[in-house]
C-alpha atoms as a PDB file:
ATOM      1  CA  MET A   1     -14.879   5.398  -5.822  1.00  0.00           C
ATOM      2  CA  LYS A   2     -12.494   2.880  -5.921  1.00  0.00           C
ATOM      3  CA  LEU A   3      -9.188   4.097  -4.690  1.00  0.00           C
ATOM      4  CA  CYS A   4      -6.432   4.286  -7.166  1.00  0.00           C
ATOM      5  CA  ALA A   5      -2.995   5.638  -7.976  1.00  0.00           C
ATOM      6  CA  PRO A   6      -2.556   8.811 -10.362  1.00  0.00           C
ATOM      7  CA  ALA A   7      -1.805   8.508 -14.431  1.00  0.00           C
ATOM      8  CA  GLY A   8       2.529   9.122 -12.682  1.00  0.00           C
ATOM      9  CA  ALA A   9       3.838  10.227  -9.795  1.00  0.00           C
ATOM     10  CA  VAL A  10       4.178  13.393  -9.254  1.00  0.00           C
ATOM     11  CA  ALA A  11       6.367  14.802  -6.513  1.00  0.00           C
ATOM     12  CA  LEU A  12       5.271  17.583  -4.144  1.00  0.00           C
ATOM     13  CA  ALA A  13       6.854  19.676  -0.969  1.00  0.00           C
ATOM     14  CA  VAL A  14       5.649  16.569   1.638  1.00  0.00           C
ATOM     15  CA  ALA A  15       5.646  13.351  -0.757  1.00  0.00           C
ATOM     16  CA  VAL A  16       1.750  13.432  -1.817  1.00  0.00           C
ATOM     17  CA  THR A  17       0.161  12.430  -4.213  1.00  0.00           C
ATOM     18  CA  LEU A  18      -3.659  12.212  -4.997  1.00  0.00           C
ATOM     19  CA  LEU A  19      -5.434   9.123  -5.853  1.00  0.00           C
ATOM     20  CA  THR A  20      -8.062   9.651  -7.898  1.00  0.00           C
ATOM     21  CA  SER A  21     -11.497   7.058  -8.476  1.00  0.00           C
ATOM     22  CA  CYS A  22     -11.108   5.072 -11.574  1.00  0.00           C
ATOM     23  CA  GLY A  23     -13.963   3.803 -13.762  1.00  0.00           C
ATOM     24  CA  SER A  24     -17.526   5.260 -13.592  1.00  0.00           C
ATOM     25  CA  SER A  25     -19.557   5.546 -10.444  1.00  0.00           C
ATOM     26  CA  ASP A  26     -23.042   6.896  -9.659  1.00  0.00           C
ATOM     27  CA  ASP A  27     -21.126   9.517  -7.005  1.00  0.00           C
ATOM     28  CA  GLU A  28     -19.168  11.472  -8.548  1.00  0.00           C
ATOM     29  CA  ALA A  29     -15.393  11.065  -8.167  1.00  0.00           C
ATOM     30  CA  ASP A  30     -13.749  13.150  -4.996  1.00  0.00           C
ATOM     31  CA  PRO A  31     -10.137  13.527  -5.236  1.00  0.00           C
ATOM     32  CA  ILE A  32      -8.867  11.648  -2.146  1.00  0.00           C
ATOM     33  CA  THR A  33      -5.425  12.314  -1.013  1.00  0.00           C
ATOM     34  CA  GLY A  34      -2.371   9.528  -0.251  1.00  0.00           C
ATOM     35  CA  ALA A  35       1.236   9.188  -0.179  1.00  0.00           C
ATOM     36  CA  LYS A  36       1.832   7.670  -3.094  1.00  0.00           C
ATOM     37  CA  ASP A  37       5.492   9.623  -3.975  1.00  0.00           C
ATOM     38  CA  SER A  38       8.101  10.530  -0.962  1.00  0.00           C
ATOM     39  CA  ALA A  39      11.423  12.133  -0.842  1.00  0.00           C
ATOM     40  CA  THR A  40      14.026   9.751   1.535  1.00  0.00           C
ATOM     41  CA  ASP A  41      17.663  10.171   1.839  1.00  0.00           C
ATOM     42  CA  SER A  42      17.686   7.203  -0.032  1.00  0.00           C
ATOM     43  CA  GLU A  43       9.810 -14.835   4.289  1.00  0.00           C
ATOM     44  CA  GLY A  44       7.799 -14.989   3.024  1.00  0.00           C
ATOM     45  CA  SER A  45       5.275 -17.423   1.690  1.00  0.00           C
ATOM     46  CA  PRO A  46       5.625 -19.078  -1.777  1.00  0.00           C
ATOM     47  CA  THR A  47       2.172 -18.140  -3.187  1.00  0.00           C
ATOM     48  CA  ALA A  48      -0.054 -15.119  -1.646  1.00  0.00           C
ATOM     49  CA  HIS A  49      -2.408 -15.771   1.417  1.00  0.00           C
ATOM     50  CA  PRO A  50      -4.650 -13.035   3.121  1.00  0.00           C
ATOM     51  CA  SER A  51      -3.021 -10.478   5.741  1.00  0.00           C
ATOM     52  CA  ASN A  52      -5.934 -11.698   7.861  1.00  0.00           C
ATOM     53  CA  ALA A  53      -4.354 -15.046   8.626  1.00  0.00           C
ATOM     54  CA  ALA A  54      -1.694 -15.681  10.918  1.00  0.00           C
ATOM     55  CA  ASP A  55       1.471 -14.691   9.672  1.00  0.00           C
ATOM     56  CA  THR A  56       4.060 -18.335   9.612  1.00  0.00           C
ATOM     57  CA  ASP A  57       6.614 -15.817  11.800  1.00  0.00           C
ATOM     58  CA  PRO A  58       5.756 -15.249  15.240  1.00  0.00           C
ATOM     59  CA  ASP A  59       7.471 -11.900  15.419  1.00  0.00           C
ATOM     60  CA  ALA A  60       4.858 -10.616  12.771  1.00  0.00           C
ATOM     61  CA  PRO A  61       2.277  -7.683  13.616  1.00  0.00           C
ATOM     62  CA  ALA A  62      -0.950  -8.413  13.665  1.00  0.00           C
ATOM     63  CA  PHE A  63      -3.741  -7.220  11.054  1.00  0.00           C
ATOM     64  CA  ASP A  64      -6.985  -6.733  12.387  1.00  0.00           C
ATOM     65  CA  TYR A  65      -8.550  -6.151   9.198  1.00  0.00           C
ATOM     66  CA  PRO A  66     -12.589  -6.156   9.360  1.00  0.00           C
ATOM     67  CA  ASP A  67     -14.674  -8.607   8.113  1.00  0.00           C
ATOM     68  CA  ASP A  68     -14.783  -7.235   4.085  1.00  0.00           C
ATOM     69  CA  VAL A  69     -11.487  -5.787   4.234  1.00  0.00           C
ATOM     70  CA  THR A  70      -8.633  -8.697   2.231  1.00  0.00           C
ATOM     71  CA  VAL A  71      -5.263  -8.013   1.542  1.00  0.00           C
ATOM     72  CA  GLU A  72      -3.004 -10.027  -0.309  1.00  0.00           C
ATOM     73  CA  VAL A  73       0.814 -10.017  -0.376  1.00  0.00           C
ATOM     74  CA  GLU A  74       2.496 -11.974  -2.568  1.00  0.00           C
ATOM     75  CA  SER A  75       6.052 -12.721  -1.675  1.00  0.00           C
ATOM     76  CA  GLU A  76       8.477 -16.153  -2.392  1.00  0.00           C
ATOM     77  CA  PRO A  77      11.447 -16.800  -0.774  1.00  0.00           C
ATOM     78  CA  THR A  78      14.990 -15.281  -2.760  1.00  0.00           C
ATOM     79  CA  GLY A  79      17.719 -17.657  -1.109  1.00  0.00           C
ATOM     80  CA  ASP A  80      19.030 -13.995  -0.047  1.00  0.00           C
ATOM     81  CA  ASP A  81      18.948 -13.583   3.699  1.00  0.00           C
ATOM     82  CA  THR A  82      18.801  -9.821   3.421  1.00  0.00           C
ATOM     83  CA  GLU A  83      16.555  -9.375   0.242  1.00  0.00           C
ATOM     84  CA  ASP A  84      13.693 -12.070   2.280  1.00  0.00           C
ATOM     85  CA  ALA A  85      13.503  -9.614   5.095  1.00  0.00           C
ATOM     86  CA  ILE A  86      13.078  -6.464   2.811  1.00  0.00           C
ATOM     87  CA  LEU A  87      10.436  -8.278   1.226  1.00  0.00           C
ATOM     88  CA  ARG A  88       8.975  -9.231   4.361  1.00  0.00           C
ATOM     89  CA  ASP A  89       9.055  -5.465   6.419  1.00  0.00           C
ATOM     90  CA  HIS A  90       7.640  -4.024   2.979  1.00  0.00           C
ATOM     91  CA  GLY A  91       5.108  -6.739   2.991  1.00  0.00           C
ATOM     92  CA  TYR A  92       4.108  -5.069   6.975  1.00  0.00           C
ATOM     93  CA  ALA A  93       4.466  -1.373   5.733  1.00  0.00           C
ATOM     94  CA  VAL A  94       1.624  -1.449   2.520  1.00  0.00           C
ATOM     95  CA  GLN A  95      -0.079  -3.978   5.048  1.00  0.00           C
ATOM     96  CA  SER A  96       0.111  -1.296   7.727  1.00  0.00           C
ATOM     97  CA  ILE A  97      -1.248   1.062   5.182  1.00  0.00           C
ATOM     98  CA  ARG A  98      -4.808  -0.303   4.010  1.00  0.00           C
ATOM     99  CA  LEU A  99      -5.213  -1.330   7.834  1.00  0.00           C
ATOM    100  CA  GLY A 100      -4.923   2.882   8.528  1.00  0.00           C
ATOM    101  CA  TYR A 101      -7.345   3.673   5.738  1.00  0.00           C
ATOM    102  CA  ALA A 102      -9.736   0.657   7.069  1.00  0.00           C
ATOM    103  CA  LYS A 103      -8.938   1.367  10.729  1.00  0.00           C
ATOM    104  CA  GLN A 104      -9.609   5.245  10.214  1.00  0.00           C
ATOM    105  CA  ASN A 105      -6.803   5.914  11.937  1.00  0.00           C
ATOM    106  CA  ALA A 106      -3.473   7.819  10.584  1.00  0.00           C
ATOM    107  CA  HIS A 107      -1.671   6.951  13.811  1.00  0.00           C
ATOM    108  CA  LEU A 108      -1.038   3.751  13.904  1.00  0.00           C
ATOM    109  CA  ASP A 109       2.217   1.742  16.158  1.00  0.00           C
ATOM    110  CA  VAL A 110       2.808  -0.705  13.110  1.00  0.00           C
ATOM    111  CA  MET A 111       2.680   2.018  10.565  1.00  0.00           C
ATOM    112  CA  GLU A 112       5.134   3.861  12.604  1.00  0.00           C
ATOM    113  CA  GLN A 113       7.166   0.650  12.670  1.00  0.00           C
ATOM    114  CA  TYR A 114       7.837  -0.400   9.158  1.00  0.00           C
ATOM    115  CA  LEU A 115       7.327   3.759   7.473  1.00  0.00           C
ATOM    116  CA  GLY A 116       9.226   6.029   7.240  1.00  0.00           C
ATOM    117  CA  GLY A 117      10.163  10.178   7.218  1.00  0.00           C
ATOM    118  CA  ASP A 118       8.211  11.421   4.425  1.00  0.00           C
ATOM    119  CA  ALA A 119       6.382   8.465   3.476  1.00  0.00           C
ATOM    120  CA  LEU A 120       5.071   8.048   6.833  1.00  0.00           C
ATOM    121  CA  LEU A 121       4.124  11.492   7.268  1.00  0.00           C
ATOM    122  CA  GLY A 122       2.151  11.568   3.241  1.00  0.00           C
ATOM    123  CA  TRP A 123       0.336   8.492   4.070  1.00  0.00           C
ATOM    124  CA  ARG A 124      -0.598  10.121   7.691  1.00  0.00           C
ATOM    125  CA  ALA A 125      -2.308  12.790   5.907  1.00  0.00           C
ATOM    126  CA  GLY A 126      -3.961  10.746   3.184  1.00  0.00           C
ATOM    127  CA  ILE A 127      -5.785   9.355   5.430  1.00  0.00           C
ATOM    128  CA  ASP A 128      -7.275  12.032   7.461  1.00  0.00           C
ATOM    129  CA  GLU A 129      -8.222  13.237   4.170  1.00  0.00           C
ATOM    130  CA  PHE A 130     -10.371   9.869   3.333  1.00  0.00           C
ATOM    131  CA  VAL A 131     -11.790  10.202   6.826  1.00  0.00           C
ATOM    132  CA  ALA A 132     -12.720  13.813   7.124  1.00  0.00           C
ATOM    133  CA  ASP A 133     -14.792  12.375   3.922  1.00  0.00           C
ATOM    134  CA  GLY A 134     -16.473   9.526   5.856  1.00  0.00           C
ATOM    135  CA  LYS A 135     -14.710   7.252   3.711  1.00  0.00           C
ATOM    136  CA  THR A 136     -13.715   3.682   4.849  1.00  0.00           C
ATOM    137  CA  VAL A 137     -11.601   0.681   2.570  1.00  0.00           C
ATOM    138  CA  THR A 138     -13.802  -2.717   1.548  1.00  0.00           C
ATOM    139  CA  GLY A 139     -12.922  -5.469  -0.721  1.00  0.00           C
ATOM    140  CA  THR A 140      -9.344  -7.239  -1.489  1.00  0.00           C
ATOM    141  CA  VAL A 141      -6.133  -5.501  -2.549  1.00  0.00           C
ATOM    142  CA  ARG A 142      -3.654  -7.994  -3.943  1.00  0.00           C
ATOM    143  CA  TYR A 143       0.106  -6.823  -3.796  1.00  0.00           C
ATOM    144  CA  TYR A 144       2.458  -9.078  -6.165  1.00  0.00           C
ATOM    145  CA  ASP A 145       6.151  -9.250  -8.428  1.00  0.00           C
ATOM    146  CA  ARG A 146       7.690  -7.424  -5.097  1.00  0.00           C
ATOM    147  CA  GLU A 147      11.154  -8.341  -6.025  1.00  0.00           C
ATOM    148  CA  VAL A 148      14.707  -5.777  -4.808  1.00  0.00           C
ATOM    149  CA  VAL A 149      16.304  -4.393  -7.369  1.00  0.00           C
ATOM    150  CA  SER A 150      19.083  -2.891  -5.418  1.00  0.00           C
ATOM    151  CA  ARG A 151      20.697  -2.537  -2.254  1.00  0.00           C
ATOM    152  CA  LYS A 152      23.427  -0.850  -1.090  1.00  0.00           C
ATOM    153  CA  GLY A 153      24.212  -0.941   2.466  1.00  0.00           C
ATOM    154  CA  ASP A 154      21.175   0.131   4.613  1.00  0.00           C
ATOM    155  CA  ALA A 155      19.276   1.082   1.413  1.00  0.00           C
ATOM    156  CA  ALA A 156      16.854  -1.174  -0.969  1.00  0.00           C
ATOM    157  CA  THR A 157      14.297  -0.229  -3.641  1.00  0.00           C
ATOM    158  CA  VAL A 158      11.722  -2.642  -4.149  1.00  0.00           C
ATOM    159  CA  THR A 159       9.144  -2.800  -7.501  1.00  0.00           C
ATOM    160  CA  TYR A 160       6.396  -4.384  -6.978  1.00  0.00           C
ATOM    161  CA  CYS A 161       2.361  -4.169  -8.814  1.00  0.00           C
ATOM    162  CA  GLU A 162      -0.737  -3.802  -6.740  1.00  0.00           C
ATOM    163  CA  ASP A 163      -4.634  -4.892  -8.245  1.00  0.00           C
ATOM    164  CA  GLN A 164      -6.574  -3.093  -7.106  1.00  0.00           C
ATOM    165  CA  THR A 165     -10.328  -4.254  -9.298  1.00  0.00           C
ATOM    166  CA  ASN A 166     -11.850  -5.944  -6.835  1.00  0.00           C
ATOM    167  CA  SER A 167     -11.173  -2.873  -3.591  1.00  0.00           C
ATOM    168  CA  TYR A 168     -12.982  -0.106  -3.447  1.00  0.00           C
ATOM    169  CA  ALA A 169     -14.146   3.303  -0.930  1.00  0.00           C
ATOM    170  CA  LYS A 170     -17.083   3.128   1.324  1.00  0.00           C
ATOM    171  CA  ILE A 171     -18.861   4.874   3.315  1.00  0.00           C
ATOM    172  CA  ALA A 172     -18.641   5.063   6.676  1.00  0.00           C
ATOM    173  CA  ASP A 173     -21.711   5.792   8.180  1.00  0.00           C
ATOM    174  CA  THR A 174     -24.262   4.289   5.749  1.00  0.00           C
ATOM    175  CA  GLY A 175     -21.096   1.337   4.626  1.00  0.00           C
ATOM    176  CA  LYS A 176     -22.577   2.519   1.461  1.00  0.00           C
ATOM    177  CA  VAL A 177     -19.433   0.801  -1.092  1.00  0.00           C
ATOM    178  CA  LEU A 178     -18.912   2.672  -4.145  1.00  0.00           C
ATOM    179  CA  LYS A 179     -18.410   0.505  -7.243  1.00  0.00           C
ATOM    180  CA  THR A 180     -16.688   1.529 -10.283  1.00  0.00           C
ATOM    181  CA  GLU A 181     -16.269  -0.343 -13.458  1.00  0.00           C
ATOM    182  CA  PRO A 182     -12.978  -2.018 -13.139  1.00  0.00           C
ATOM    183  CA  SER A 183     -10.088  -1.342 -16.267  1.00  0.00           C
ATOM    184  CA  ASN A 184      -6.834  -1.284 -16.734  1.00  0.00           C
ATOM    185  CA  ASP A 185      -6.075   1.975 -14.371  1.00  0.00           C
ATOM    186  CA  ASP A 186      -6.653  -0.383 -11.574  1.00  0.00           C
ATOM    187  CA  PHE A 187      -3.271  -2.072 -11.581  1.00  0.00           C
ATOM    188  CA  ILE A 188      -0.309   0.335 -10.518  1.00  0.00           C
ATOM    189  CA  LYS A 189       3.300  -0.371 -10.734  1.00  0.00           C
ATOM    190  CA  HIS A 190       5.004   0.860  -7.116  1.00  0.00           C
ATOM    191  CA  VAL A 191       8.704   1.768  -6.487  1.00  0.00           C
ATOM    192  CA  SER A 192       9.297   1.520  -2.376  1.00  0.00           C
ATOM    193  CA  ASN A 193      12.787   2.955  -1.166  1.00  0.00           C
ATOM    194  CA  MET A 194      13.807   0.837   2.086  1.00  0.00           C
ATOM    195  CA  ARG A 195      15.683   1.740   4.738  1.00  0.00           C
ATOM    196  CA  LYS A 196      17.106  -0.290   7.441  1.00  0.00           C
ATOM    197  CA  THR A 197      16.755   1.651  11.331  1.00  0.00           C
ATOM    198  CA  VAL A 198      19.018   1.187  13.864  1.00  0.00           C
ATOM    199  CA  ASP A 199      16.372  -1.611  15.479  1.00  0.00           C
ATOM    200  CA  GLY A 200      16.777  -3.471  12.400  1.00  0.00           C
ATOM    201  CA  ILE A 201      13.659  -2.806  10.798  1.00  0.00           C
ATOM    202  CA  TRP A 202      12.953  -1.960   6.534  1.00  0.00           C
ATOM    203  CA  GLN A 203      10.761   0.885   6.830  1.00  0.00           C
ATOM    204  CA  MET A 204       9.476   2.147   3.555  1.00  0.00           C
ATOM    205  CA  VAL A 205      10.045   6.019   3.296  1.00  0.00           C
ATOM    206  CA  HIS A 206       9.998   6.797  -0.754  1.00  0.00           C
ATOM    207  CA  GLU A 207       7.291   5.811  -2.946  1.00  0.00           C
ATOM    208  CA  THR A 208       6.459   6.068  -5.978  1.00  0.00           C
ATOM    209  CA  ASP A 209       3.814   4.396  -9.008  1.00  0.00           C
ATOM    210  CA  VAL A 210       2.895   4.080 -12.421  1.00  0.00           C
ATOM    211  CA  GLN A 211      -1.348   3.654 -12.959  1.00  0.00           C
ATOM    212  CA  GLY A 212      -2.294   0.932 -15.288  1.00  0.00           C
ATOM    213  CA  GLU A 213       0.998  -0.041 -16.368  1.00  0.00           C
ATOM    214  CA  PRO A 214       1.342  -2.660 -18.457  1.00  0.00           C
ATOM    215  CA  GLU A 215       3.367  -5.104 -17.248  1.00  0.00           C
ATOM    216  CA  CYS A 216       1.058  -5.495 -13.696  1.00  0.00           C
ATOM    217  CA  VAL A 217      -1.935  -5.482 -15.332  1.00  0.00           C
ATOM    218  CA  THR A 218      -3.541  -9.905 -15.164  1.00  0.00           C
ATOM    219  CA  SER A 219      -6.825 -10.666 -16.899  1.00  0.00           C
END
């Protein structure tokens, strides 16, 4: 079973949407809850890099993924220090979410640092449900075409794409990988609202997504 976003963003009371399996699998598709839509008060390297590798920022958080998990976050300097900081912290946010799934831990300090509000609560709920189903993750997930599309004061909006064609759910106890057939639904367009904290960190506080968005589909 592949981790996938829904066909459209669905707003719920605590900003939780359903992640369902994509493609075909020998296992029956179970719905998995994840925080993909949330309510808010409204320097990267020039190429993609696995977050398992050391970050060039000496103050970057450590993401100690299992050996079978890789997270690639594509980032290019914008020439604007504030936008670069937003994209840097946004990258840490998406990495922390994947680490929560990989570690089967919805209460990692790094998640609390780079996610806030309903986004944090919703992603915690999603990871907890995933763990309750006895699952973890394996494979490679890629985040790309990340861009700050609006910014005002301590609030900003980031759009980006996600490629899950090589990312799968895995039964934690047995190690069985729940593979699915690749499809356009493996490509997801996200919109993240970011807010700067008093500590100067840009937290993800709201996120919506569209599964199979044409502009994110790559060959």
